[in-house]
């Protein structure tokens, strides 16, 4: 019985991580799309993706901060 519950928790955890990654990516893309980068990046080659990834990182850092505060986890 214990083995089944560990498998269910593992699968549920993977699904939650996937959903979080998709939500962070969507958030990053939405925020990156709000800006005009033509003054900095004339060919539109790097600024959009840079802002997209910075926003993804910020979202992940915020989640880590709150998980550490709520559950007293040490992410070091």
PDB file of N, CA and C in Angstrom:
ATOM      1  N   UNK A   1       0.825  -1.202   0.000  1.00  0.00           N
ATOM      2  CA  UNK A   1       0.000   0.000   0.000  1.00  0.00           C
ATOM      3  C   UNK A   1       0.863   1.257   0.000  1.00  0.00           C
ATOM      4  N   UNK A   2       1.923   1.229   0.784  1.00  0.00           N
ATOM      5  CA  UNK A   2       2.820   2.397   0.875  1.00  0.00           C
ATOM      6  C   UNK A   2       3.491   2.696  -0.458  1.00  0.00           C
ATOM      7  N   UNK A   3       3.863   1.633  -1.208  1.00  0.00           N
ATOM      8  CA  UNK A   3       4.517   1.807  -2.495  1.00  0.00           C
ATOM      9  C   UNK A   3       3.594   2.505  -3.493  1.00  0.00           C
ATOM     10  N   UNK A   4       2.326   2.159  -3.471  1.00  0.00           N
ATOM     11  CA  UNK A   4       1.366   2.791  -4.377  1.00  0.00           C
ATOM     12  C   UNK A   4       1.226   4.273  -4.048  1.00  0.00           C
ATOM     13  N   UNK A   5       1.172   4.623  -2.800  1.00  0.00           N
ATOM     14  CA  UNK A   5       1.004   6.023  -2.440  1.00  0.00           C
ATOM     15  C   UNK A   5       2.245   6.834  -2.807  1.00  0.00           C
ATOM     16  N   UNK A   6       3.441   6.241  -2.702  1.00  0.00           N
ATOM     17  CA  UNK A   6       4.656   6.951  -3.117  1.00  0.00           C
ATOM     18  C   UNK A   6       4.642   7.191  -4.620  1.00  0.00           C
ATOM     19  N   UNK A   7       4.170   6.216  -5.374  1.00  0.00           N
ATOM     20  CA  UNK A   7       4.085   6.390  -6.831  1.00  0.00           C
ATOM     21  C   UNK A   7       3.087   7.475  -7.195  1.00  0.00           C
ATOM     22  N   UNK A   8       1.961   7.492  -6.513  1.00  0.00           N
ATOM     23  CA  UNK A   8       0.939   8.510  -6.782  1.00  0.00           C
ATOM     24  C   UNK A   8       1.481   9.895  -6.444  1.00  0.00           C
ATOM     25  N   UNK A   9       2.155  10.025  -5.321  1.00  0.00           N
ATOM     26  CA  UNK A   9       2.741  11.310  -4.933  1.00  0.00           C
ATOM     27  C   UNK A   9       3.791  11.740  -5.951  1.00  0.00           C
ATOM     28  N   UNK A  10       4.609  10.809  -6.420  1.00  0.00           N
ATOM     29  CA  UNK A  10       5.630  11.120  -7.416  1.00  0.00           C
ATOM     30  C   UNK A  10       5.000  11.618  -8.709  1.00  0.00           C
ATOM     31  N   UNK A  11       4.008  10.914  -9.205  1.00  0.00           N
ATOM     32  CA  UNK A  11       3.338  11.310 -10.448  1.00  0.00           C
ATOM     33  C   UNK A  11       2.641  12.649 -10.277  1.00  0.00           C
ATOM     34  N   UNK A  12       1.970  12.843  -9.154  1.00  0.00           N
ATOM     35  CA  UNK A  12       1.313  14.116  -8.874  1.00  0.00           C
ATOM     36  C   UNK A  12       2.332  15.248  -8.836  1.00  0.00           C
ATOM     37  N   UNK A  13       3.484  15.015  -8.235  1.00  0.00           N
ATOM     38  CA  UNK A  13       4.541  16.028  -8.159  1.00  0.00           C
ATOM     39  C   UNK A  13       5.052  16.404  -9.545  1.00  0.00           C
ATOM     40  N   UNK A  14       5.250  15.423 -10.396  1.00  0.00           N
ATOM     41  CA  UNK A  14       5.708  15.682 -11.766  1.00  0.00           C
ATOM     42  C   UNK A  14       4.673  16.514 -12.519  1.00  0.00           C
ATOM     43  N   UNK A  15       3.412  16.197 -12.354  1.00  0.00           N
ATOM     44  CA  UNK A  15       2.343  16.958 -13.022  1.00  0.00           C
ATOM     45  C   UNK A  15       2.319  18.399 -12.524  1.00  0.00           C
ATOM     46  N   UNK A  16       2.456  18.614 -11.213  1.00  0.00           N
ATOM     47  CA  UNK A  16       2.473  19.965 -10.648  1.00  0.00           C
ATOM     48  C   UNK A  16       3.668  20.755 -11.177  1.00  0.00           C
ATOM     49  N   UNK A  17       4.839  20.125 -11.242  1.00  0.00           N
ATOM     50  CA  UNK A  17       6.031  20.807 -11.768  1.00  0.00           C
ATOM     51  C   UNK A  17       5.811  21.191 -13.226  1.00  0.00           C
ATOM     52  N   UNK A  18       5.227  20.305 -14.016  1.00  0.00           N
ATOM     53  CA  UNK A  18       4.959  20.604 -15.418  1.00  0.00           C
ATOM     54  C   UNK A  18       3.985  21.765 -15.562  1.00  0.00           C
ATOM     55  N   UNK A  19       2.926  21.757 -14.778  1.00  0.00           N
ATOM     56  CA  UNK A  19       1.942  22.848 -14.830  1.00  0.00           C
ATOM     57  C   UNK A  19       2.590  24.165 -14.424  1.00  0.00           C
ATOM     58  N   UNK A  20       3.424  24.148 -13.378  1.00  0.00           N
ATOM     59  CA  UNK A  20       4.119  25.352 -12.952  1.00  0.00           C
ATOM     60  C   UNK A  20       5.038  25.865 -14.053  1.00  0.00           C
ATOM     61  N   UNK A  21       5.771  24.971 -14.706  1.00  0.00           N
ATOM     62  CA  UNK A  21       6.681  25.384 -15.769  1.00  0.00           C
ATOM     63  C   UNK A  21       5.911  26.023 -16.927  1.00  0.00           C
ATOM     64  N   UNK A  22       4.784  25.451 -17.277  1.00  0.00           N
ATOM     65  CA  UNK A  22       3.977  26.012 -18.357  1.00  0.00           C
ATOM     66  C   UNK A  22       3.399  27.377 -17.975  1.00  0.00           C
ATOM     67  N   UNK A  23       2.966  27.505 -16.729  1.00  0.00           N
ATOM     68  CA  UNK A  23       2.424  28.792 -16.268  1.00  0.00           C
ATOM     69  C   UNK A  23       3.522  29.860 -16.224  1.00  0.00           C
ATOM     70  N   UNK A  24       4.714  29.499 -15.762  1.00  0.00           N
ATOM     71  CA  UNK A  24       5.822  30.456 -15.723  1.00  0.00           C
ATOM     72  C   UNK A  24       6.216  30.867 -17.139  1.00  0.00           C
ATOM     73  N   UNK A  25       6.215  29.931 -18.066  1.00  0.00           N
ATOM     74  CA  UNK A  25       6.544  30.236 -19.453  1.00  0.00           C
ATOM     75  C   UNK A  25       5.497  31.161 -20.078  1.00  0.00           C
ATOM     76  N   UNK A  26       4.237  30.891 -19.817  1.00  0.00           N
ATOM     77  CA  UNK A  26       3.162  31.744 -20.330  1.00  0.00           C
ATOM     78  C   UNK A  26       3.255  33.146 -19.743  1.00  0.00           C
ATOM     79  N   UNK A  27       3.532  33.230 -18.444  1.00  0.00           N
ATOM     80  CA  UNK A  27       3.690  34.532 -17.796  1.00  0.00           C
ATOM     81  C   UNK A  27       4.864  35.292 -18.397  1.00  0.00           C
ATOM     82  N   UNK A  28       5.990  34.607 -18.583  1.00  0.00           N
ATOM     83  CA  UNK A  28       7.172  35.238 -19.175  1.00  0.00           C
ATOM     84  C   UNK A  28       6.904  35.742 -20.580  1.00  0.00           C
ATOM     85  N   UNK A  29       6.231  34.939 -21.376  1.00  0.00           N
ATOM     86  CA  UNK A  29       5.908  35.348 -22.741  1.00  0.00           C
ATOM     87  C   UNK A  29       4.943  36.517 -22.788  1.00  0.00           C
ATOM     88  N   UNK A  30       3.985  36.520 -21.881  1.00  0.00           N
ATOM     89  CA  UNK A  30       3.011  37.620 -21.835  1.00  0.00           C
ATOM     90  C   UNK A  30       3.686  38.934 -21.451  1.00  0.00           C
ATOM     91  N   UNK A  31       4.515  38.893 -20.431  1.00  0.00           N
ATOM     92  CA  UNK A  31       5.194  40.111 -19.986  1.00  0.00           C
ATOM     93  C   UNK A  31       6.218  40.569 -21.020  1.00  0.00           C
ATOM     94  N   UNK A  32       6.941  39.628 -21.619  1.00  0.00           N
ATOM     95  CA  UNK A  32       7.927  40.001 -22.645  1.00  0.00           C
ATOM     96  C   UNK A  32       7.247  40.631 -23.854  1.00  0.00           C
ATOM     97  N   UNK A  33       6.025  40.222 -24.144  1.00  0.00           N
ATOM     98  CA  UNK A  33       5.302  40.770 -25.281  1.00  0.00           C
ATOM     99  C   UNK A  33       4.760  42.178 -25.062  1.00  0.00           C
ATOM    100  N   UNK A  34       4.821  42.670 -23.838  1.00  0.00           N
ATOM    101  CA  UNK A  34       4.296  44.000 -23.547  1.00  0.00           C
ATOM    102  C   UNK A  34       5.227  45.133 -23.988  1.00  0.00           C
ATOM    103  N   UNK A  35       6.484  44.816 -24.265  1.00  0.00           N
ATOM    104  CA  UNK A  35       7.479  45.849 -24.531  1.00  0.00           C
ATOM    105  C   UNK A  35       7.878  45.876 -26.000  1.00  0.00           C
ATOM    106  N   UNK A  36       8.322  47.071 -26.436  1.00  0.00           N
ATOM    107  CA  UNK A  36       8.861  47.246 -27.785  1.00  0.00           C
ATOM    108  C   UNK A  36      10.377  47.300 -27.670  1.00  0.00           C
ATOM    109  N   UNK A  37      11.055  46.362 -28.311  1.00  0.00           N
ATOM    110  CA  UNK A  37      12.504  46.259 -28.194  1.00  0.00           C
ATOM    111  C   UNK A  37      13.236  46.795 -29.419  1.00  0.00           C
ATOM    112  N   UNK A  38      12.545  47.460 -30.315  1.00  0.00           N
ATOM    113  CA  UNK A  38      13.157  47.881 -31.574  1.00  0.00           C
ATOM    114  C   UNK A  38      14.308  48.855 -31.378  1.00  0.00           C
ATOM    115  N   UNK A  39      14.299  49.636 -30.302  1.00  0.00           N
ATOM    116  CA  UNK A  39      15.400  50.563 -30.050  1.00  0.00           C
ATOM    117  C   UNK A  39      16.668  49.879 -29.595  1.00  0.00           C
ATOM    118  N   UNK A  40      16.521  48.720 -28.973  1.00  0.00           N
ATOM    119  CA  UNK A  40      17.670  47.982 -28.454  1.00  0.00           C
ATOM    120  C   UNK A  40      18.042  46.831 -29.391  1.00  0.00           C
ATOM    121  N   UNK A  41      17.035  46.156 -29.892  1.00  0.00           N
ATOM    122  CA  UNK A  41      17.223  44.931 -30.674  1.00  0.00           C
ATOM    123  C   UNK A  41      16.506  45.100 -32.010  1.00  0.00           C
ATOM    124  N   UNK A  42      17.198  45.658 -32.985  1.00  0.00           N
ATOM    125  CA  UNK A  42      16.571  45.972 -34.274  1.00  0.00           C
ATOM    126  C   UNK A  42      16.072  44.729 -35.011  1.00  0.00           C
ATOM    127  N   UNK A  43      16.773  43.615 -34.857  1.00  0.00           N
ATOM    128  CA  UNK A  43      16.400  42.397 -35.577  1.00  0.00           C
ATOM    129  C   UNK A  43      15.500  41.466 -34.777  1.00  0.00           C
ATOM    130  N   UNK A  44      15.153  41.888 -33.588  1.00  0.00           N
ATOM    131  CA  UNK A  44      14.276  41.087 -32.724  1.00  0.00           C
ATOM    132  C   UNK A  44      14.853  39.684 -32.485  1.00  0.00           C
ATOM    133  N   UNK A  45      16.137  39.636 -32.136  1.00  0.00           N
ATOM    134  CA  UNK A  45      16.792  38.339 -32.001  1.00  0.00           C
ATOM    135  C   UNK A  45      17.032  37.900 -30.569  1.00  0.00           C
ATOM    136  N   UNK A  46      17.129  38.824 -29.614  1.00  0.00           N
ATOM    137  CA  UNK A  46      17.500  38.373 -28.272  1.00  0.00           C
ATOM    138  C   UNK A  46      16.731  39.008 -27.120  1.00  0.00           C
ATOM    139  N   UNK A  47      16.177  40.159 -27.259  1.00  0.00           N
ATOM    140  CA  UNK A  47      15.572  40.838 -26.109  1.00  0.00           C
ATOM    141  C   UNK A  47      14.297  40.151 -25.619  1.00  0.00           C
ATOM    142  N   UNK A  48      13.445  39.731 -26.539  1.00  0.00           N
ATOM    143  CA  UNK A  48      12.198  39.096 -26.113  1.00  0.00           C
ATOM    144  C   UNK A  48      12.493  37.853 -25.297  1.00  0.00           C
ATOM    145  N   UNK A  49      13.386  36.999 -25.790  1.00  0.00           N
ATOM    146  CA  UNK A  49      13.681  35.749 -25.088  1.00  0.00           C
ATOM    147  C   UNK A  49      14.418  36.030 -23.778  1.00  0.00           C
ATOM    148  N   UNK A  50      15.232  37.095 -23.738  1.00  0.00           N
ATOM    149  CA  UNK A  50      15.934  37.448 -22.500  1.00  0.00           C
ATOM    150  C   UNK A  50      14.946  37.875 -21.420  1.00  0.00           C
ATOM    151  N   UNK A  51      14.011  38.728 -21.773  1.00  0.00           N
ATOM    152  CA  UNK A  51      13.002  39.173 -20.807  1.00  0.00           C
ATOM    153  C   UNK A  51      12.122  37.989 -20.396  1.00  0.00           C
ATOM    154  N   UNK A  52      11.763  37.157 -21.332  1.00  0.00           N
ATOM    155  CA  UNK A  52      10.967  35.964 -21.063  1.00  0.00           C
ATOM    156  C   UNK A  52      11.635  35.100 -19.992  1.00  0.00           C
ATOM    157  N   UNK A  53      12.922  34.843 -20.146  1.00  0.00           N
ATOM    158  CA  UNK A  53      13.636  34.002 -19.188  1.00  0.00           C
ATOM    159  C   UNK A  53      13.863  34.696 -17.849  1.00  0.00           C
ATOM    160  N   UNK A  54      14.066  35.995 -17.861  1.00  0.00           N
ATOM    161  CA  UNK A  54      14.207  36.739 -16.597  1.00  0.00           C
ATOM    162  C   UNK A  54      12.917  36.659 -15.793  1.00  0.00           C
ATOM    163  N   UNK A  55      11.782  36.808 -16.459  1.00  0.00           N
ATOM    164  CA  UNK A  55      10.490  36.716 -15.773  1.00  0.00           C
ATOM    165  C   UNK A  55      10.269  35.293 -15.247  1.00  0.00           C
ATOM    166  N   UNK A  56      10.617  34.283 -16.029  1.00  0.00           N
ATOM    167  CA  UNK A  56      10.498  32.899 -15.558  1.00  0.00           C
ATOM    168  C   UNK A  56      11.321  32.690 -14.297  1.00  0.00           C
ATOM    169  N   UNK A  57      12.548  33.213 -14.293  1.00  0.00           N
ATOM    170  CA  UNK A  57      13.411  33.076 -13.127  1.00  0.00           C
ATOM    171  C   UNK A  57      12.812  33.785 -11.920  1.00  0.00           C
ATOM    172  N   UNK A  58      12.269  34.977 -12.130  1.00  0.00           N
ATOM    173  CA  UNK A  58      11.669  35.728 -11.028  1.00  0.00           C
ATOM    174  C   UNK A  58      10.474  34.970 -10.439  1.00  0.00           C
ATOM    175  N   UNK A  59       9.650  34.392 -11.289  1.00  0.00           N
ATOM    176  CA  UNK A  59       8.498  33.613 -10.819  1.00  0.00           C
ATOM    177  C   UNK A  59       8.980  32.415  -9.996  1.00  0.00           C
ATOM    178  N   UNK A  60      10.000  31.714 -10.487  1.00  0.00           N
ATOM    179  CA  UNK A  60      10.534  30.560  -9.759  1.00  0.00           C
ATOM    180  C   UNK A  60      11.134  30.981  -8.417  1.00  0.00           C
ATOM    181  N   UNK A  61      11.840  32.100  -8.391  1.00  0.00           N
ATOM    182  CA  UNK A  61      12.434  32.581  -7.131  1.00  0.00           C
ATOM    183  C   UNK A  61      11.355  32.954  -6.113  1.00  0.00           C
ATOM    184  N   UNK A  62      10.278  33.542  -6.580  1.00  0.00           N
ATOM    185  CA  UNK A  62       9.176  33.892  -5.679  1.00  0.00           C
ATOM    186  C   UNK A  62       8.552  32.631  -5.088  1.00  0.00           C
ATOM    187  N   UNK A  63       8.351  31.615  -5.919  1.00  0.00           N
ATOM    188  CA  UNK A  63       7.785  30.348  -5.428  1.00  0.00           C
ATOM    189  C   UNK A  63       8.722  29.699  -4.413  1.00  0.00           C
ATOM    190  N   UNK A  64      10.015  29.677  -4.700  1.00  0.00           N
ATOM    191  CA  UNK A  64      10.990  29.099  -3.771  1.00  0.00           C
ATOM    192  C   UNK A  64      10.980  29.857  -2.452  1.00  0.00           C
ATOM    193  N   UNK A  65      10.909  31.178  -2.521  1.00  0.00           N
ATOM    194  CA  UNK A  65      10.874  31.993  -1.302  1.00  0.00           C
ATOM    195  C   UNK A  65       9.680  31.620  -0.425  1.00  0.00           C
ATOM    196  N   UNK A  66       8.491  31.541  -1.033  1.00  0.00           N
ATOM    197  CA  UNK A  66       7.304  31.240  -0.249  1.00  0.00           C
ATOM    198  C   UNK A  66       7.286  29.791   0.251  1.00  0.00           C
ATOM    199  N   UNK A  67       7.788  28.855  -0.548  1.00  0.00           N
ATOM    200  CA  UNK A  67       7.878  27.475  -0.070  1.00  0.00           C
ATOM    201  C   UNK A  67       8.822  27.374   1.126  1.00  0.00           C
ATOM    202  N   UNK A  68       9.928  28.102   1.064  1.00  0.00           N
ATOM    203  CA  UNK A  68      10.880  28.085   2.177  1.00  0.00           C
ATOM    204  C   UNK A  68      10.266  28.691   3.433  1.00  0.00           C
ATOM    205  N   UNK A  69       9.492  29.752   3.266  1.00  0.00           N
ATOM    206  CA  UNK A  69       8.870  30.406   4.423  1.00  0.00           C
ATOM    207  C   UNK A  69       7.738  29.563   5.018  1.00  0.00           C
ATOM    208  N   UNK A  70       6.921  28.986   4.179  1.00  0.00           N
ATOM    209  CA  UNK A  70       5.754  28.242   4.661  1.00  0.00           C
ATOM    210  C   UNK A  70       6.148  26.906   5.268  1.00  0.00           C
ATOM    211  N   UNK A  71       6.999  26.142   4.576  1.00  0.00           N
ATOM    212  CA  UNK A  71       7.345  24.796   5.015  1.00  0.00           C
ATOM    213  C   UNK A  71       8.691  24.712   5.735  1.00  0.00           C
ATOM    214  N   UNK A  72       9.358  25.834   5.895  1.00  0.00           N
ATOM    215  CA  UNK A  72      10.672  25.890   6.536  1.00  0.00           C
ATOM    216  C   UNK A  72      11.671  24.976   5.846  1.00  0.00           C
ATOM    217  N   UNK A  73      11.632  24.982   4.504  1.00  0.00           N
ATOM    218  CA  UNK A  73      12.566  24.188   3.710  1.00  0.00           C
ATOM    219  C   UNK A  73      13.827  24.995   3.484  1.00  0.00           C
ATOM    220  N   UNK A  74      14.951  24.315   3.431  1.00  0.00           N
ATOM    221  CA  UNK A  74      16.226  24.955   3.168  1.00  0.00           C
ATOM    222  C   UNK A  74      16.662  24.583   1.751  1.00  0.00           C
ATOM    223  N   UNK A  75      16.672  25.550   0.847  1.00  0.00           N
ATOM    224  CA  UNK A  75      16.996  25.295  -0.550  1.00  0.00           C
ATOM    225  C   UNK A  75      18.468  25.488  -0.861  1.00  0.00           C
ATOM    226  N   UNK A  76      19.305  25.566   0.189  1.00  0.00           N
ATOM    227  CA  UNK A  76      20.738  25.744  -0.073  1.00  0.00           C
ATOM    228  C   UNK A  76      21.396  24.482  -0.450  1.00  0.00           C
TER     229      UNK A  76
END
